[in-house]
Amino acid sequence: MRQIIAMGGGGFSMEPENPLLDLYILRQADSRTPKVCFVPTASGDAENYISRFYNAFENHECSPSHLSLFRPPTRDLEDYVMDKDIIYVGGGNTKNLLALWKEWGLDAIMRKAWQDGKIMAGVSAGSICWFEEGLTDSFGSGLQPLKTLGFLKGSNCPHYDGEKDRRPSYQEFVGCGRMAAGYAADDGAALHYIDEQLIKAVSSRPEAKAYHVWESGGKVQEEIVETIYLG
C-alpha cells in the first residue's frame, strides 16, 4: 500500500502533550517497533526541532532517527531512507524543502519509498509537499500557491483554522481557478490516503475537521469531511 498521512497541524511540534496523531501514524506500520525517520529540511534542520522530535518519540514504541541534509548521516541517502518504516516530514518553508530535496535527489528517493510502501507523513510543509500544489507562506509575503511533488492529485491547505488568512485565501484561489480543488485540514486534523485515495480523516482535537474545497458554477464550495476524533 502507498500511504500518506498529511496533518494540517498538530503532532509533537504543536501538541507536545497530545500524542494522538503521532501514535496514529505509528500504528499504521506493520512493525511493532517501527523505524521512524524525521526529516526537518523545511526548518533548515533546526536543532531544537530535532530535539523535540527525539524527546517525543523516544517515549513511544519505535526506533527514531532523523535525516539532515546539512549534516547527512551517510552518502547513500536512498539506502538510509529505504531502511525506514515511516518518513515524518516537519514544517517550515516548503519552497526551500523542495529545492533542497531536488538538489540532493531526495524527491526521487521519497517517491521510491512511497511506492515501496513506506508510510509518508508530515505536518504543514510536510503535508503540502505530497500534493500537486499547496497554499504556502514560503515567499515571506502573504499566502501563495506552490507547485509541489504531485504524489497526490489536487491541492492542500494546512492550518485551516489556525491562521486567520488560510481559509479565505484557499477559498479565493480555488474559487478563481488559480488552484485546483483539494483538501484542507485544521490544526489537529490529518488526511489519511491509501493508494492515492482519501480513506479517512482523523483528529487529535474534538473540534478539528478536514474539508473538501472545490469550484462549481463560478463559486467556491466547501464540505466538511467526516473526521474521526482519536481521543
Protein backbone atom coordinates (compact mmCIF):
# COMPACT_ATOMS: atom_id res chain seq x y z
CA MET A 1 0.00 0.00 0.00
CA ARG A 2 1.10 3.54 -0.73
CA GLN A 3 0.23 5.61 2.34
CA ILE A 4 0.39 9.32 3.10
CA ILE A 5 -0.82 10.95 6.32
CA ALA A 6 -0.99 14.72 5.87
CA MET A 7 -1.51 16.81 9.01
CA GLY A 8 -2.88 20.35 8.91
CA GLY A 9 -1.15 20.97 12.21
CA GLY A 10 -0.50 19.10 15.42
CA GLY A 11 1.79 16.26 16.33
CA PHE A 12 4.76 16.64 18.69
CA SER A 13 5.76 20.06 17.35
CA MET A 14 2.41 21.73 18.03
CA GLU A 15 0.79 19.48 20.64
CA PRO A 16 3.62 18.14 22.82
CA GLU A 17 1.13 16.99 25.46
CA ASN A 18 -1.21 15.37 22.94
CA PRO A 19 0.38 12.42 21.08
CA LEU A 20 -2.80 11.16 19.41
CA LEU A 21 -1.80 11.97 15.81
CA ASP A 22 1.77 10.73 16.24
CA LEU A 23 0.52 7.47 17.78
CA TYR A 24 -1.94 7.08 14.91
CA ILE A 25 0.92 7.34 12.42
CA LEU A 26 2.97 4.76 14.31
CA ARG A 27 0.05 2.32 14.39
CA GLN A 28 -0.13 2.23 10.59
CA ALA A 29 3.23 0.46 10.34
CA ASP A 30 3.44 -3.32 10.15
CA SER A 31 6.29 -3.44 12.66
CA ARG A 32 5.59 -3.36 16.40
CA THR A 33 8.65 -1.13 16.75
CA PRO A 34 8.67 0.88 13.53
CA LYS A 35 11.71 2.79 12.35
CA VAL A 36 10.52 6.40 12.07
CA CYS A 37 12.73 8.98 10.39
CA PHE A 38 12.16 12.70 10.95
CA VAL A 39 13.04 14.95 8.00
CA PRO A 40 13.37 18.57 9.20
CA THR A 41 14.54 20.11 5.90
CA ALA A 42 11.83 22.79 5.81
CA SER A 43 13.06 24.22 9.12
CA GLY A 44 16.68 24.32 7.96
CA ASP A 45 17.29 21.24 10.12
CA ALA A 46 16.68 23.30 13.26
CA GLU A 47 18.38 21.63 16.21
CA ASN A 48 15.55 22.47 18.61
CA TYR A 49 13.02 20.87 16.25
CA ILE A 50 15.11 17.71 16.00
CA SER A 51 15.50 17.59 19.79
CA ARG A 52 11.75 17.89 20.29
CA PHE A 53 11.20 15.01 17.87
CA TYR A 54 13.50 12.73 19.87
CA ASN A 55 12.03 13.87 23.19
CA ALA A 56 8.59 12.87 21.93
CA PHE A 57 9.30 9.68 20.01
CA GLU A 58 11.73 8.15 22.47
CA ASN A 59 8.66 7.77 24.71
CA HIS A 60 6.84 5.70 22.06
CA GLU A 61 7.33 2.14 20.83
CA CYS A 62 9.53 2.96 17.85
CA SER A 63 13.10 3.45 16.69
CA PRO A 64 13.56 7.19 15.97
CA SER A 65 16.14 8.74 13.68
CA HIS A 66 16.44 11.87 11.58
CA LEU A 67 17.74 12.81 8.14
CA SER A 68 19.64 16.08 7.90
CA LEU A 69 20.76 17.46 4.56
CA PHE A 70 23.08 19.91 6.32
CA ARG A 71 24.81 17.08 8.19
CA PRO A 72 23.98 13.96 6.16
CA PRO A 73 24.16 10.69 8.10
CA THR A 74 25.57 8.88 5.05
CA ARG A 75 26.40 9.40 1.39
CA ASP A 76 23.81 6.79 0.45
CA LEU A 77 20.59 8.64 1.23
CA GLU A 78 18.48 6.14 -0.67
CA ASP A 79 19.69 3.24 1.44
CA TYR A 80 19.12 5.29 4.59
CA VAL A 81 15.53 6.19 3.66
CA MET A 82 14.58 2.77 2.33
CA ASP A 83 15.60 1.18 5.63
CA LYS A 84 12.83 3.07 7.46
CA ASP A 85 9.15 2.23 8.00
CA ILE A 86 7.87 5.81 8.42
CA ILE A 87 9.11 9.09 6.96
CA TYR A 88 7.85 12.04 9.03
CA VAL A 89 8.42 15.43 7.39
CA GLY A 90 8.42 18.54 9.56
CA GLY A 91 7.07 22.02 8.95
CA GLY A 92 8.76 25.19 7.78
CA ASN A 93 9.50 26.63 4.35
CA THR A 94 8.04 24.35 1.66
CA LYS A 95 9.79 26.08 -1.24
CA ASN A 96 13.20 25.55 0.37
CA LEU A 97 12.31 21.94 1.17
CA LEU A 98 11.52 21.27 -2.49
CA ALA A 99 14.69 22.98 -3.73
CA LEU A 100 16.97 21.06 -1.38
CA TRP A 101 15.25 17.72 -1.98
CA LYS A 102 15.65 18.18 -5.73
CA GLU A 103 19.32 19.18 -5.40
CA TRP A 104 20.06 16.06 -3.32
CA GLY A 105 17.82 13.76 -5.36
CA LEU A 106 15.68 13.22 -2.29
CA ASP A 107 12.46 13.95 -4.17
CA ALA A 108 13.01 10.84 -6.31
CA ILE A 109 14.05 8.81 -3.26
CA MET A 110 10.88 9.85 -1.43
CA ARG A 111 8.75 8.75 -4.38
CA LYS A 112 10.51 5.39 -4.45
CA ALA A 113 9.98 4.97 -0.70
CA TRP A 114 6.29 5.82 -1.02
CA GLN A 115 5.84 3.40 -3.92
CA ASP A 116 7.65 0.74 -1.88
CA GLY A 117 5.11 1.03 0.92
CA LYS A 118 6.87 3.28 3.40
CA ILE A 119 4.43 5.44 5.32
CA MET A 120 4.91 9.07 4.35
CA ALA A 121 3.66 11.57 6.91
CA GLY A 122 4.13 15.19 7.77
CA VAL A 123 2.78 18.42 9.15
CA SER A 124 2.29 21.80 7.45
CA ALA A 125 5.09 21.91 4.83
CA GLY A 126 5.31 18.16 5.42
CA SER A 127 1.66 17.93 4.39
CA ILE A 128 1.69 20.31 1.42
CA CYS A 129 4.72 18.67 -0.21
CA TRP A 130 2.93 15.43 -1.16
CA PHE A 131 0.19 17.10 -3.26
CA GLU A 132 0.30 18.67 -6.73
CA GLU A 133 0.14 22.12 -5.15
CA GLY A 134 -0.35 23.74 -1.80
CA LEU A 135 -1.04 27.07 -0.14
CA THR A 136 2.19 28.34 1.41
CA ASP A 137 3.72 31.30 3.19
CA SER A 138 7.17 30.31 1.90
CA PHE A 139 7.64 33.54 -0.06
CA GLY A 140 7.51 35.69 3.07
CA SER A 141 4.71 37.99 1.93
CA GLY A 142 1.20 36.61 2.21
CA LEU A 143 -0.04 33.22 1.06
CA GLN A 144 0.62 31.89 -2.44
CA PRO A 145 0.02 28.68 -4.41
CA LEU A 146 3.10 26.49 -4.86
CA LYS A 147 3.61 23.54 -7.19
CA THR A 148 4.76 20.55 -5.16
CA LEU A 149 5.72 16.88 -5.61
CA GLY A 150 2.45 15.58 -7.04
CA PHE A 151 2.28 12.20 -5.30
CA LEU A 152 -1.37 13.07 -4.61
CA LYS A 153 -3.76 14.80 -7.01
CA GLY A 154 -5.14 18.25 -6.27
CA SER A 155 -4.22 20.87 -3.71
CA ASN A 156 -3.75 21.07 0.04
CA CYS A 157 -4.09 23.72 2.71
CA PRO A 158 -2.87 23.17 6.30
CA HIS A 159 -3.67 25.31 9.37
CA TYR A 160 -7.18 25.89 8.02
CA ASP A 161 -8.50 27.15 11.36
CA GLY A 162 -5.16 28.01 12.95
CA GLU A 163 -4.17 31.01 10.84
CA LYS A 164 -6.81 33.64 10.05
CA ASP A 165 -5.86 34.11 6.38
CA ARG A 166 -5.68 30.43 5.44
CA ARG A 167 -9.37 29.68 4.87
CA PRO A 168 -10.28 32.83 2.90
CA SER A 169 -7.09 32.66 0.82
CA TYR A 170 -7.52 29.00 -0.07
CA GLN A 171 -11.15 29.52 -0.99
CA GLU A 172 -10.22 32.55 -3.11
CA PHE A 173 -7.51 30.69 -5.04
CA VAL A 174 -9.66 27.60 -5.61
CA GLY A 175 -12.72 29.68 -6.47
CA CYS A 176 -10.93 31.72 -9.15
CA GLY A 177 -9.18 28.71 -10.63
CA ARG A 178 -5.62 29.58 -9.55
CA MET A 179 -5.53 26.39 -7.50
CA ALA A 180 -7.07 23.00 -8.19
CA ALA A 181 -9.73 21.56 -5.94
CA GLY A 182 -8.37 19.82 -2.89
CA TYR A 183 -8.47 19.24 0.82
CA ALA A 184 -7.80 21.43 3.82
CA ALA A 185 -7.16 20.40 7.41
CA ASP A 186 -7.48 22.25 10.69
CA ASP A 187 -4.68 22.19 13.24
CA GLY A 188 -5.07 18.81 14.91
CA ALA A 189 -6.62 17.13 11.84
CA ALA A 190 -4.98 14.73 9.38
CA LEU A 191 -5.87 13.28 5.98
CA HIS A 192 -5.02 9.59 5.51
CA TYR A 193 -4.51 8.44 1.93
CA ILE A 194 -4.03 4.89 0.74
CA ASP A 195 -3.13 4.30 -2.91
CA GLU A 196 -3.89 7.96 -3.66
CA GLN A 197 -7.44 7.76 -2.28
CA LEU A 198 -8.55 9.63 0.84
CA ILE A 199 -9.79 6.85 3.11
CA LYS A 200 -10.40 8.83 6.31
CA ALA A 201 -9.75 11.98 8.25
CA VAL A 202 -8.73 11.81 11.90
CA SER A 203 -8.12 14.39 14.62
CA SER A 204 -6.41 14.89 17.95
CA ARG A 205 -8.92 17.55 18.98
CA PRO A 206 -12.70 17.03 19.13
CA GLU A 207 -13.44 20.16 17.10
CA ALA A 208 -10.72 19.77 14.44
CA LYS A 209 -12.01 18.91 10.96
CA ALA A 210 -10.94 18.27 7.38
CA TYR A 211 -12.63 19.84 4.36
CA HIS A 212 -13.10 19.25 0.65
CA VAL A 213 -12.89 22.55 -1.26
CA TRP A 214 -13.74 22.94 -4.95
CA GLU A 215 -15.21 25.34 -7.51
CA SER A 216 -18.63 24.84 -9.10
CA GLY A 217 -20.60 27.30 -11.22
CA GLY A 218 -18.13 30.08 -10.57
CA LYS A 219 -18.42 29.74 -6.79
CA VAL A 220 -16.23 28.04 -4.24
CA GLN A 221 -17.77 25.10 -2.40
CA GLU A 222 -16.70 23.68 0.95
CA GLU A 223 -17.80 20.40 2.53
CA ILE A 224 -16.71 19.02 5.89
CA VAL A 225 -15.14 15.58 5.61
CA GLU A 226 -16.26 13.18 8.34
CA THR A 227 -13.41 13.39 10.83
CA ILE A 228 -12.79 10.73 13.48
CA TYR A 229 -11.65 12.03 16.84
CA LEU A 230 -8.89 9.75 18.14
CA GLY A 231 -9.42 10.51 21.83
